[in-house]
N, C-alpha and C. Protein backbone atom coordinates (compact mmCIF):
# COMPACT_ATOMS: atom_id res chain seq x y z
N UNK A 1 -143.41 -170.59 -82.26
CA UNK A 1 -143.13 -171.38 -81.08
C UNK A 1 -144.06 -170.93 -79.96
N UNK A 2 -144.53 -171.86 -79.16
CA UNK A 2 -145.48 -171.49 -78.11
C UNK A 2 -144.77 -170.74 -76.98
N UNK A 3 -145.57 -169.93 -76.29
CA UNK A 3 -145.03 -169.22 -75.14
C UNK A 3 -144.68 -170.23 -74.04
N UNK A 4 -143.76 -169.83 -73.12
CA UNK A 4 -143.39 -170.80 -72.07
C UNK A 4 -144.55 -171.22 -71.21
N UNK A 5 -145.60 -170.41 -71.12
CA UNK A 5 -146.73 -170.78 -70.27
C UNK A 5 -147.71 -171.71 -70.98
N UNK A 6 -147.54 -171.93 -72.29
CA UNK A 6 -148.43 -172.81 -73.04
C UNK A 6 -147.70 -174.11 -73.36
N UNK A 7 -148.36 -175.22 -73.11
CA UNK A 7 -147.78 -176.53 -73.42
C UNK A 7 -148.84 -177.40 -74.10
N UNK A 8 -148.38 -178.23 -74.97
CA UNK A 8 -149.30 -179.17 -75.60
C UNK A 8 -149.40 -180.41 -74.71
N UNK A 9 -150.32 -181.31 -75.05
CA UNK A 9 -150.51 -182.52 -74.26
C UNK A 9 -149.27 -183.40 -74.28
N UNK A 10 -148.53 -183.38 -75.40
CA UNK A 10 -147.32 -184.20 -75.49
C UNK A 10 -146.21 -183.64 -74.59
N UNK A 11 -146.17 -182.34 -74.49
CA UNK A 11 -145.12 -181.71 -73.68
C UNK A 11 -145.47 -181.70 -72.20
N UNK A 12 -146.72 -182.10 -71.88
CA UNK A 12 -147.17 -182.04 -70.50
C UNK A 12 -146.29 -182.86 -69.57
N UNK A 13 -145.91 -184.05 -70.00
CA UNK A 13 -145.12 -184.93 -69.15
C UNK A 13 -143.74 -184.34 -68.89
N UNK A 14 -143.21 -183.59 -69.85
CA UNK A 14 -141.89 -183.02 -69.70
C UNK A 14 -141.94 -181.76 -68.82
N UNK A 15 -143.00 -180.93 -68.99
CA UNK A 15 -143.08 -179.63 -68.32
C UNK A 15 -143.87 -179.65 -67.03
N UNK A 16 -144.26 -180.81 -66.57
CA UNK A 16 -145.11 -180.88 -65.40
C UNK A 16 -144.36 -180.37 -64.15
N UNK A 17 -145.05 -179.53 -63.36
CA UNK A 17 -144.48 -179.02 -62.11
C UNK A 17 -145.32 -179.54 -60.96
N UNK A 18 -144.70 -179.87 -59.84
CA UNK A 18 -145.49 -180.37 -58.71
C UNK A 18 -146.38 -179.26 -58.17
N UNK A 19 -147.61 -179.60 -57.88
CA UNK A 19 -148.53 -178.67 -57.26
C UNK A 19 -149.21 -177.71 -58.22
N UNK A 20 -148.83 -177.69 -59.49
CA UNK A 20 -149.43 -176.75 -60.43
C UNK A 20 -150.61 -177.43 -61.12
N UNK A 21 -151.72 -176.74 -61.21
CA UNK A 21 -152.89 -177.28 -61.88
C UNK A 21 -152.92 -176.77 -63.31
N UNK A 22 -153.33 -177.61 -64.21
CA UNK A 22 -153.40 -177.23 -65.61
C UNK A 22 -154.84 -176.89 -65.97
N UNK A 23 -154.98 -175.87 -66.76
CA UNK A 23 -156.31 -175.48 -67.22
C UNK A 23 -156.35 -175.63 -68.73
N UNK A 24 -157.38 -176.20 -69.23
CA UNK A 24 -157.52 -176.42 -70.67
C UNK A 24 -158.23 -175.22 -71.28
N UNK A 25 -157.55 -174.59 -72.24
CA UNK A 25 -158.16 -173.47 -72.92
C UNK A 25 -158.94 -173.98 -74.12
N UNK A 26 -159.80 -173.19 -74.68
CA UNK A 26 -160.63 -173.62 -75.79
C UNK A 26 -159.81 -173.93 -77.02
N UNK A 27 -158.68 -173.25 -77.21
CA UNK A 27 -157.87 -173.50 -78.40
C UNK A 27 -157.15 -174.82 -78.32
N UNK A 28 -157.00 -175.37 -77.15
CA UNK A 28 -156.34 -176.65 -77.04
C UNK A 28 -155.10 -176.65 -76.16
N UNK A 29 -154.19 -175.65 -76.27
CA UNK A 29 -152.99 -175.74 -75.43
C UNK A 29 -153.33 -175.51 -73.96
N UNK A 30 -152.52 -176.07 -73.10
CA UNK A 30 -152.71 -175.94 -71.66
C UNK A 30 -151.85 -174.81 -71.12
N UNK A 31 -152.37 -174.14 -70.10
CA UNK A 31 -151.60 -173.08 -69.44
C UNK A 31 -151.62 -173.30 -67.94
N UNK A 32 -150.61 -172.78 -67.25
CA UNK A 32 -150.58 -172.83 -65.79
C UNK A 32 -151.30 -171.59 -65.29
N UNK A 33 -152.32 -171.74 -64.42
CA UNK A 33 -153.10 -170.58 -63.98
C UNK A 33 -152.26 -169.54 -63.21
N UNK A 34 -151.24 -169.99 -62.48
CA UNK A 34 -150.45 -169.04 -61.71
C UNK A 34 -149.51 -168.22 -62.59
N UNK A 35 -149.38 -168.57 -63.86
CA UNK A 35 -148.50 -167.83 -64.75
C UNK A 35 -149.25 -167.02 -65.81
N UNK A 36 -150.59 -167.08 -65.80
CA UNK A 36 -151.36 -166.37 -66.81
C UNK A 36 -151.22 -164.86 -66.68
N UNK A 37 -151.46 -164.32 -65.50
CA UNK A 37 -151.38 -162.87 -65.30
C UNK A 37 -150.05 -162.55 -64.62
N UNK A 38 -149.38 -161.50 -65.06
CA UNK A 38 -148.13 -161.14 -64.39
C UNK A 38 -148.43 -160.68 -62.95
N UNK A 39 -147.51 -160.99 -62.03
CA UNK A 39 -147.73 -160.61 -60.63
C UNK A 39 -147.63 -159.09 -60.51
N UNK A 40 -148.50 -158.51 -59.67
CA UNK A 40 -148.53 -157.05 -59.48
C UNK A 40 -147.40 -156.64 -58.56
N UNK A 41 -146.61 -155.66 -58.97
CA UNK A 41 -145.57 -155.19 -58.06
C UNK A 41 -146.22 -154.41 -56.91
N UNK A 42 -145.51 -154.36 -55.80
CA UNK A 42 -146.01 -153.62 -54.64
C UNK A 42 -146.18 -152.17 -55.02
N UNK A 43 -147.18 -151.57 -54.51
CA UNK A 43 -147.49 -150.20 -54.86
C UNK A 43 -146.36 -149.26 -54.43
N UNK A 44 -145.89 -148.44 -55.34
CA UNK A 44 -144.83 -147.47 -55.03
C UNK A 44 -145.35 -146.42 -54.07
N UNK A 45 -146.62 -146.10 -54.16
CA UNK A 45 -147.21 -145.12 -53.25
C UNK A 45 -147.21 -145.65 -51.81
N UNK A 46 -147.51 -146.94 -51.65
CA UNK A 46 -147.49 -147.53 -50.32
C UNK A 46 -146.08 -147.51 -49.74
N UNK A 47 -145.07 -147.86 -50.54
CA UNK A 47 -143.67 -147.81 -50.08
C UNK A 47 -143.28 -146.39 -49.67
N UNK A 48 -143.69 -145.42 -50.46
CA UNK A 48 -143.36 -144.03 -50.16
C UNK A 48 -144.01 -143.59 -48.84
N UNK A 49 -145.27 -143.97 -48.64
CA UNK A 49 -145.98 -143.58 -47.41
C UNK A 49 -145.34 -144.22 -46.17
N UNK A 50 -144.95 -145.47 -46.26
CA UNK A 50 -144.32 -146.14 -45.12
C UNK A 50 -142.98 -145.49 -44.81
N UNK A 51 -142.19 -145.18 -45.82
CA UNK A 51 -140.89 -144.53 -45.61
C UNK A 51 -141.07 -143.14 -45.02
N UNK A 52 -142.00 -142.38 -45.53
CA UNK A 52 -142.26 -141.03 -45.01
C UNK A 52 -142.73 -141.08 -43.56
N UNK A 53 -143.60 -142.01 -43.23
CA UNK A 53 -144.07 -142.16 -41.85
C UNK A 53 -142.93 -142.52 -40.91
N UNK A 54 -142.04 -143.40 -41.32
CA UNK A 54 -140.89 -143.78 -40.50
C UNK A 54 -139.98 -142.59 -40.25
N UNK A 55 -139.71 -141.81 -41.26
CA UNK A 55 -138.86 -140.63 -41.11
C UNK A 55 -139.50 -139.61 -40.17
N UNK A 56 -140.79 -139.36 -40.35
CA UNK A 56 -141.49 -138.40 -39.50
C UNK A 56 -141.52 -138.84 -38.04
N UNK A 57 -141.73 -140.13 -37.80
CA UNK A 57 -141.75 -140.61 -36.42
C UNK A 57 -140.37 -140.45 -35.78
N UNK A 58 -139.32 -140.72 -36.52
CA UNK A 58 -137.97 -140.55 -35.98
C UNK A 58 -137.64 -139.09 -35.73
N UNK A 59 -138.16 -138.20 -36.55
CA UNK A 59 -137.91 -136.77 -36.34
C UNK A 59 -138.72 -136.21 -35.19
N UNK A 60 -139.97 -136.65 -35.05
CA UNK A 60 -140.84 -136.07 -34.05
C UNK A 60 -140.64 -136.66 -32.66
N UNK A 61 -140.25 -137.91 -32.57
CA UNK A 61 -140.09 -138.55 -31.27
C UNK A 61 -138.74 -139.24 -31.14
N UNK A 62 -137.65 -138.48 -31.18
CA UNK A 62 -136.36 -139.16 -31.01
C UNK A 62 -136.18 -139.59 -29.54
N UNK A 63 -135.54 -140.69 -29.38
CA UNK A 63 -135.36 -141.28 -28.06
C UNK A 63 -133.87 -141.45 -27.81
N UNK A 64 -133.43 -141.12 -26.60
CA UNK A 64 -132.04 -141.35 -26.20
C UNK A 64 -132.06 -142.29 -25.00
N UNK A 65 -131.27 -143.34 -25.08
CA UNK A 65 -131.10 -144.26 -23.97
C UNK A 65 -129.82 -143.87 -23.25
N UNK A 66 -129.94 -143.55 -21.97
CA UNK A 66 -128.80 -143.10 -21.18
C UNK A 66 -128.33 -144.21 -20.25
N UNK A 67 -127.02 -144.45 -20.26
CA UNK A 67 -126.44 -145.42 -19.35
C UNK A 67 -126.21 -144.78 -17.99
N UNK A 68 -125.73 -145.56 -17.05
CA UNK A 68 -125.55 -145.10 -15.67
C UNK A 68 -124.59 -143.91 -15.59
N UNK A 69 -123.57 -143.85 -16.44
CA UNK A 69 -122.56 -142.79 -16.36
C UNK A 69 -122.72 -141.74 -17.46
N UNK A 70 -123.92 -141.58 -18.00
CA UNK A 70 -124.15 -140.61 -19.07
C UNK A 70 -125.16 -139.55 -18.65
N UNK A 71 -125.01 -138.40 -19.28
CA UNK A 71 -125.89 -137.26 -19.02
C UNK A 71 -126.28 -136.63 -20.36
N UNK A 72 -127.56 -136.33 -20.53
CA UNK A 72 -128.04 -135.68 -21.74
C UNK A 72 -128.13 -134.19 -21.48
N UNK A 73 -127.45 -133.39 -22.30
CA UNK A 73 -127.49 -131.93 -22.19
C UNK A 73 -128.23 -131.40 -23.42
N UNK A 74 -129.33 -130.67 -23.18
CA UNK A 74 -130.16 -130.14 -24.26
C UNK A 74 -130.09 -128.62 -24.23
N UNK A 75 -129.70 -128.02 -25.36
CA UNK A 75 -129.60 -126.56 -25.49
C UNK A 75 -130.93 -126.04 -26.01
N UNK A 76 -131.63 -125.27 -25.17
CA UNK A 76 -132.86 -124.62 -25.57
C UNK A 76 -132.51 -123.21 -26.06
N UNK A 77 -133.49 -122.43 -26.40
CA UNK A 77 -133.23 -121.09 -26.91
C UNK A 77 -132.51 -120.23 -25.88
N UNK A 78 -132.96 -120.24 -24.64
CA UNK A 78 -132.39 -119.38 -23.61
C UNK A 78 -131.79 -120.14 -22.43
N UNK A 79 -131.82 -121.45 -22.45
CA UNK A 79 -131.34 -122.22 -21.30
C UNK A 79 -130.78 -123.57 -21.72
N UNK A 80 -130.22 -124.26 -20.75
CA UNK A 80 -129.69 -125.61 -20.93
C UNK A 80 -130.33 -126.49 -19.86
N UNK A 81 -130.77 -127.67 -20.25
CA UNK A 81 -131.28 -128.63 -19.26
C UNK A 81 -130.44 -129.89 -19.32
N UNK A 82 -130.37 -130.59 -18.20
CA UNK A 82 -129.62 -131.84 -18.14
C UNK A 82 -130.53 -132.94 -17.60
N UNK A 83 -130.30 -134.15 -18.09
CA UNK A 83 -130.99 -135.34 -17.61
C UNK A 83 -129.93 -136.38 -17.33
N UNK A 84 -129.87 -136.84 -16.09
CA UNK A 84 -128.87 -137.83 -15.70
C UNK A 84 -129.37 -139.24 -15.95
N UNK A 85 -128.45 -140.13 -16.33
CA UNK A 85 -128.78 -141.52 -16.57
C UNK A 85 -128.78 -142.29 -15.27
N UNK A 86 -129.18 -143.52 -15.25
CA UNK A 86 -129.71 -144.27 -16.38
C UNK A 86 -131.16 -143.90 -16.64
N UNK A 87 -131.57 -144.08 -17.88
CA UNK A 87 -132.96 -143.78 -18.20
C UNK A 87 -133.19 -143.62 -19.68
N UNK A 88 -134.39 -143.25 -19.97
CA UNK A 88 -134.86 -143.05 -21.33
C UNK A 88 -135.28 -141.60 -21.44
N UNK A 89 -134.80 -140.90 -22.46
CA UNK A 89 -135.13 -139.48 -22.60
C UNK A 89 -135.70 -139.23 -23.99
N UNK A 90 -136.83 -138.54 -24.04
CA UNK A 90 -137.44 -138.11 -25.29
C UNK A 90 -137.06 -136.65 -25.50
N UNK A 91 -136.52 -136.33 -26.68
CA UNK A 91 -136.07 -134.96 -26.92
C UNK A 91 -136.66 -134.41 -28.21
N UNK A 92 -136.70 -133.11 -28.27
CA UNK A 92 -137.15 -132.41 -29.46
C UNK A 92 -136.04 -132.50 -30.52
N UNK A 93 -136.35 -132.96 -31.72
CA UNK A 93 -135.30 -133.13 -32.73
C UNK A 93 -134.73 -131.80 -33.25
N UNK A 94 -135.41 -130.70 -32.98
CA UNK A 94 -134.96 -129.42 -33.49
C UNK A 94 -134.10 -128.67 -32.47
N UNK A 95 -133.74 -129.32 -31.38
CA UNK A 95 -132.86 -128.73 -30.38
C UNK A 95 -131.54 -129.46 -30.38
N UNK A 96 -130.48 -128.76 -30.06
CA UNK A 96 -129.15 -129.36 -30.03
C UNK A 96 -129.02 -130.15 -28.74
N UNK A 97 -128.64 -131.41 -28.85
CA UNK A 97 -128.46 -132.24 -27.66
C UNK A 97 -127.16 -133.02 -27.79
N UNK A 98 -126.52 -133.22 -26.64
CA UNK A 98 -125.30 -134.02 -26.59
C UNK A 98 -125.36 -134.94 -25.39
N UNK A 99 -124.72 -136.08 -25.53
CA UNK A 99 -124.59 -137.01 -24.42
C UNK A 99 -123.15 -136.92 -23.93
N UNK A 100 -122.97 -136.63 -22.63
CA UNK A 100 -121.63 -136.51 -22.05
C UNK A 100 -121.49 -137.53 -20.92
N UNK A 101 -120.25 -137.93 -20.69
CA UNK A 101 -119.94 -138.88 -19.61
C UNK A 101 -119.84 -138.13 -18.29
N UNK A 102 -120.25 -138.77 -17.22
CA UNK A 102 -120.10 -138.22 -15.87
C UNK A 102 -118.63 -138.34 -15.47
N UNK A 103 -118.21 -137.51 -14.51
CA UNK A 103 -116.84 -137.52 -14.04
C UNK A 103 -116.73 -138.56 -12.92
N UNK A 104 -115.84 -139.52 -13.10
CA UNK A 104 -115.64 -140.56 -12.10
C UNK A 104 -114.46 -140.17 -11.22
N UNK A 105 -114.70 -140.10 -9.91
CA UNK A 105 -113.66 -139.70 -8.97
C UNK A 105 -113.30 -140.88 -8.06
N UNK A 106 -111.99 -141.10 -7.92
CA UNK A 106 -111.49 -142.13 -7.01
C UNK A 106 -111.44 -141.60 -5.58
N UNK A 107 -110.85 -142.37 -4.68
CA UNK A 107 -110.81 -142.02 -3.26
C UNK A 107 -110.06 -140.72 -3.01
N UNK A 108 -108.93 -140.50 -3.66
CA UNK A 108 -108.12 -139.29 -3.43
C UNK A 108 -108.37 -138.20 -4.47
N UNK A 109 -109.18 -138.46 -5.49
CA UNK A 109 -109.40 -137.49 -6.57
C UNK A 109 -110.33 -136.37 -6.14
N UNK A 110 -110.11 -135.20 -6.75
CA UNK A 110 -111.03 -134.08 -6.57
C UNK A 110 -111.08 -133.26 -7.85
N UNK A 111 -112.15 -132.49 -8.00
CA UNK A 111 -112.28 -131.57 -9.14
C UNK A 111 -112.77 -130.23 -8.60
N UNK A 112 -112.34 -129.18 -9.31
CA UNK A 112 -112.85 -127.83 -9.01
C UNK A 112 -113.83 -127.48 -10.11
N UNK A 113 -115.00 -127.02 -9.69
CA UNK A 113 -116.09 -126.75 -10.63
C UNK A 113 -116.51 -125.30 -10.51
N UNK A 114 -116.77 -124.68 -11.68
CA UNK A 114 -117.25 -123.30 -11.71
C UNK A 114 -118.59 -123.26 -12.45
N UNK A 115 -119.53 -122.52 -11.85
CA UNK A 115 -120.83 -122.29 -12.47
C UNK A 115 -120.73 -121.00 -13.27
N UNK A 116 -121.00 -121.07 -14.57
CA UNK A 116 -120.82 -119.90 -15.44
C UNK A 116 -121.94 -118.86 -15.30
N UNK A 117 -123.06 -119.20 -14.67
CA UNK A 117 -124.16 -118.25 -14.51
C UNK A 117 -123.93 -117.36 -13.29
N UNK A 118 -123.69 -117.95 -12.14
CA UNK A 118 -123.52 -117.13 -10.93
C UNK A 118 -122.06 -116.99 -10.49
N UNK A 119 -121.14 -117.64 -11.17
CA UNK A 119 -119.72 -117.49 -10.87
C UNK A 119 -119.24 -118.24 -9.65
N UNK A 120 -120.09 -119.04 -9.04
CA UNK A 120 -119.68 -119.77 -7.84
C UNK A 120 -118.71 -120.89 -8.18
N UNK A 121 -117.86 -121.22 -7.21
CA UNK A 121 -116.91 -122.31 -7.36
C UNK A 121 -117.12 -123.30 -6.24
N UNK A 122 -116.81 -124.55 -6.52
CA UNK A 122 -116.89 -125.58 -5.49
C UNK A 122 -115.89 -126.66 -5.79
N UNK A 123 -115.50 -127.37 -4.76
CA UNK A 123 -114.59 -128.51 -4.89
C UNK A 123 -115.37 -129.75 -4.48
N UNK A 124 -115.23 -130.81 -5.29
CA UNK A 124 -115.92 -132.06 -5.03
C UNK A 124 -114.87 -133.16 -4.98
N UNK A 125 -114.92 -133.97 -3.92
CA UNK A 125 -113.95 -135.07 -3.82
C UNK A 125 -114.66 -136.41 -3.85
N UNK A 126 -113.89 -137.44 -4.19
CA UNK A 126 -114.43 -138.77 -4.37
C UNK A 126 -114.44 -139.57 -3.09
N UNK A 127 -114.83 -140.80 -3.16
CA UNK A 127 -115.21 -141.53 -4.36
C UNK A 127 -116.68 -141.25 -4.74
N UNK A 128 -116.90 -140.96 -6.00
CA UNK A 128 -118.26 -140.72 -6.48
C UNK A 128 -118.28 -140.60 -8.00
N UNK A 129 -119.47 -140.65 -8.55
CA UNK A 129 -119.73 -140.39 -9.96
C UNK A 129 -120.40 -139.02 -10.00
N UNK A 130 -119.74 -138.05 -10.59
CA UNK A 130 -120.19 -136.66 -10.53
C UNK A 130 -120.87 -136.25 -11.83
N UNK A 131 -122.12 -135.79 -11.71
CA UNK A 131 -122.85 -135.22 -12.83
C UNK A 131 -122.82 -133.70 -12.69
N UNK A 132 -122.38 -133.01 -13.72
CA UNK A 132 -122.32 -131.55 -13.68
C UNK A 132 -123.71 -130.95 -13.88
N UNK A 133 -123.90 -129.75 -13.34
CA UNK A 133 -125.15 -129.02 -13.54
C UNK A 133 -125.20 -128.43 -14.94
N UNK A 134 -126.30 -127.78 -15.30
CA UNK A 134 -126.45 -127.27 -16.66
C UNK A 134 -125.42 -126.23 -17.07
N UNK A 135 -124.93 -125.43 -16.13
CA UNK A 135 -123.99 -124.36 -16.48
C UNK A 135 -122.62 -124.57 -15.83
N UNK A 136 -122.34 -125.75 -15.35
CA UNK A 136 -121.07 -126.02 -14.68
C UNK A 136 -120.05 -126.59 -15.64
N UNK A 137 -118.77 -126.33 -15.31
CA UNK A 137 -117.67 -126.92 -16.06
C UNK A 137 -116.52 -127.19 -15.10
N UNK A 138 -115.71 -128.16 -15.44
CA UNK A 138 -114.58 -128.55 -14.60
C UNK A 138 -113.44 -127.57 -14.86
N UNK A 139 -112.95 -126.92 -13.79
CA UNK A 139 -111.84 -125.95 -13.88
C UNK A 139 -110.50 -126.63 -13.66
N UNK A 140 -110.47 -127.64 -12.82
CA UNK A 140 -109.21 -128.32 -12.53
C UNK A 140 -109.44 -129.66 -11.87
N UNK A 141 -108.42 -130.51 -11.96
CA UNK A 141 -108.46 -131.83 -11.34
C UNK A 141 -107.20 -132.02 -10.52
N UNK A 142 -107.28 -132.91 -9.58
CA UNK A 142 -106.09 -133.22 -8.81
C UNK A 142 -106.33 -134.37 -7.87
N UNK A 143 -105.30 -134.65 -7.06
CA UNK A 143 -105.41 -135.69 -6.05
C UNK A 143 -105.08 -135.10 -4.70
N UNK A 144 -105.79 -135.56 -3.69
CA UNK A 144 -105.54 -135.13 -2.32
C UNK A 144 -104.20 -135.66 -1.83
N UNK A 145 -103.77 -135.14 -0.68
CA UNK A 145 -102.48 -135.52 -0.11
C UNK A 145 -102.72 -136.32 1.16
N UNK A 146 -102.11 -137.49 1.24
CA UNK A 146 -102.20 -138.31 2.44
C UNK A 146 -101.01 -137.96 3.33
N UNK A 147 -101.28 -137.45 4.53
CA UNK A 147 -100.23 -137.01 5.45
C UNK A 147 -100.08 -138.01 6.59
N UNK A 148 -98.83 -138.32 6.90
CA UNK A 148 -98.57 -139.17 8.06
C UNK A 148 -98.56 -138.29 9.31
N UNK A 149 -98.34 -138.90 10.46
CA UNK A 149 -98.35 -138.13 11.71
C UNK A 149 -97.14 -137.19 11.82
N UNK A 150 -96.13 -137.36 11.00
CA UNK A 150 -94.93 -136.52 11.04
C UNK A 150 -94.96 -135.45 9.94
N UNK A 151 -96.02 -135.36 9.14
CA UNK A 151 -96.08 -134.40 8.04
C UNK A 151 -97.14 -133.33 8.30
N UNK A 152 -97.01 -132.25 7.54
CA UNK A 152 -98.01 -131.19 7.59
C UNK A 152 -98.10 -130.55 6.21
N UNK A 153 -99.15 -129.77 5.99
CA UNK A 153 -99.33 -129.06 4.73
C UNK A 153 -99.63 -127.60 5.06
N UNK A 154 -98.99 -126.70 4.33
CA UNK A 154 -99.23 -125.27 4.47
C UNK A 154 -100.29 -124.89 3.43
N UNK A 155 -101.43 -124.41 3.91
CA UNK A 155 -102.58 -124.14 3.05
C UNK A 155 -102.75 -122.63 2.90
N UNK A 156 -102.93 -122.20 1.64
CA UNK A 156 -103.16 -120.78 1.38
C UNK A 156 -104.48 -120.63 0.64
N UNK A 157 -105.35 -119.75 1.18
CA UNK A 157 -106.62 -119.45 0.53
C UNK A 157 -106.38 -118.33 -0.48
N UNK A 158 -106.60 -118.60 -1.77
CA UNK A 158 -106.30 -117.63 -2.84
C UNK A 158 -107.27 -116.45 -2.84
N UNK A 159 -108.42 -116.57 -2.26
CA UNK A 159 -109.39 -115.47 -2.24
C UNK A 159 -109.09 -114.49 -1.10
N UNK A 160 -108.88 -115.02 0.09
CA UNK A 160 -108.66 -114.13 1.24
C UNK A 160 -107.18 -113.92 1.56
N UNK A 161 -106.30 -114.77 1.06
CA UNK A 161 -104.88 -114.67 1.36
C UNK A 161 -104.51 -115.29 2.69
N UNK A 162 -105.44 -115.85 3.39
CA UNK A 162 -105.21 -116.46 4.69
C UNK A 162 -104.36 -117.72 4.56
N UNK A 163 -103.44 -117.93 5.51
CA UNK A 163 -102.60 -119.12 5.53
C UNK A 163 -102.85 -119.88 6.83
N UNK A 164 -102.77 -121.21 6.72
CA UNK A 164 -102.92 -122.05 7.90
C UNK A 164 -102.14 -123.35 7.69
N UNK A 165 -101.94 -124.08 8.76
CA UNK A 165 -101.19 -125.34 8.72
C UNK A 165 -102.13 -126.48 9.12
N UNK A 166 -102.11 -127.54 8.34
CA UNK A 166 -102.89 -128.74 8.64
C UNK A 166 -101.90 -129.87 8.94
N UNK A 167 -101.98 -130.44 10.15
CA UNK A 167 -101.08 -131.52 10.56
C UNK A 167 -101.72 -132.88 10.32
N UNK A 168 -100.85 -133.87 10.08
CA UNK A 168 -101.29 -135.24 9.86
C UNK A 168 -101.51 -135.96 11.16
N UNK A 169 -102.01 -137.13 11.19
CA UNK A 169 -102.40 -137.94 10.04
C UNK A 169 -103.77 -137.53 9.50
N UNK A 170 -103.84 -137.26 8.22
CA UNK A 170 -105.07 -136.85 7.57
C UNK A 170 -104.89 -136.97 6.05
N UNK A 171 -105.99 -137.10 5.35
CA UNK A 171 -106.00 -136.98 3.89
C UNK A 171 -106.56 -135.60 3.61
N UNK A 172 -105.70 -134.72 3.09
CA UNK A 172 -106.11 -133.34 2.84
C UNK A 172 -106.52 -133.18 1.38
N UNK A 173 -107.72 -132.65 1.20
CA UNK A 173 -108.24 -132.35 -0.14
C UNK A 173 -108.56 -130.87 -0.16
N UNK A 174 -107.99 -130.11 -1.09
CA UNK A 174 -108.16 -128.66 -1.09
C UNK A 174 -109.60 -128.24 -1.39
N UNK A 175 -109.95 -127.05 -0.89
CA UNK A 175 -111.23 -126.43 -1.18
C UNK A 175 -111.18 -125.77 -2.55
N UNK A 176 -112.24 -125.04 -2.92
CA UNK A 176 -112.30 -124.47 -4.27
C UNK A 176 -111.22 -123.41 -4.54
N UNK A 177 -110.74 -122.71 -3.51
CA UNK A 177 -109.73 -121.65 -3.74
C UNK A 177 -108.47 -121.88 -2.89
N UNK A 178 -108.21 -123.11 -2.53
CA UNK A 178 -107.05 -123.41 -1.68
C UNK A 178 -105.93 -124.05 -2.49
N UNK A 179 -104.71 -123.77 -2.05
CA UNK A 179 -103.52 -124.45 -2.55
C UNK A 179 -102.70 -124.87 -1.36
N UNK A 180 -102.00 -125.99 -1.47
CA UNK A 180 -101.23 -126.48 -0.34
C UNK A 180 -99.83 -126.89 -0.75
N UNK A 181 -98.90 -126.76 0.20
CA UNK A 181 -97.52 -127.19 0.00
C UNK A 181 -97.17 -128.12 1.16
N UNK A 182 -96.70 -129.31 0.82
CA UNK A 182 -96.34 -130.30 1.82
C UNK A 182 -94.93 -130.03 2.33
């Protein structure tokens, strides 16, 4: 039986394909030129090189897209660096990096922050979007106290032991080492 690519003149009308040209061989049967040689598969070496190049580019030039409320923290051998969003950050793939959210503070909100390198403390009140420094961490959160004209707050400084009274009307937000009783 003839191969599928070989047809006789009688079978030509049955096997005719649109757009295919027939070539007459010396033996007599006709063959389709596009089916004579098997199609060459894509080179496996080329596929390997493209895949390897893609992997290397991703390892050597990783990119982080930071939104408005995100911060990139990169741990180096002896230090930590931070990059605040929004923006585009290129980082070394062999360093540990994390993306953290900024602290969102409302009108009465506050946070107490401690720097682990120098031991300093600070209190930050809102409204704001707070990005922490490389060695800072949040020690506590709270809300300020809104005092009317008939109210007061007794404030005690935990470091010095000093006490004082704050009278209203005021919105009182404690300092880094203060506590208050209404």
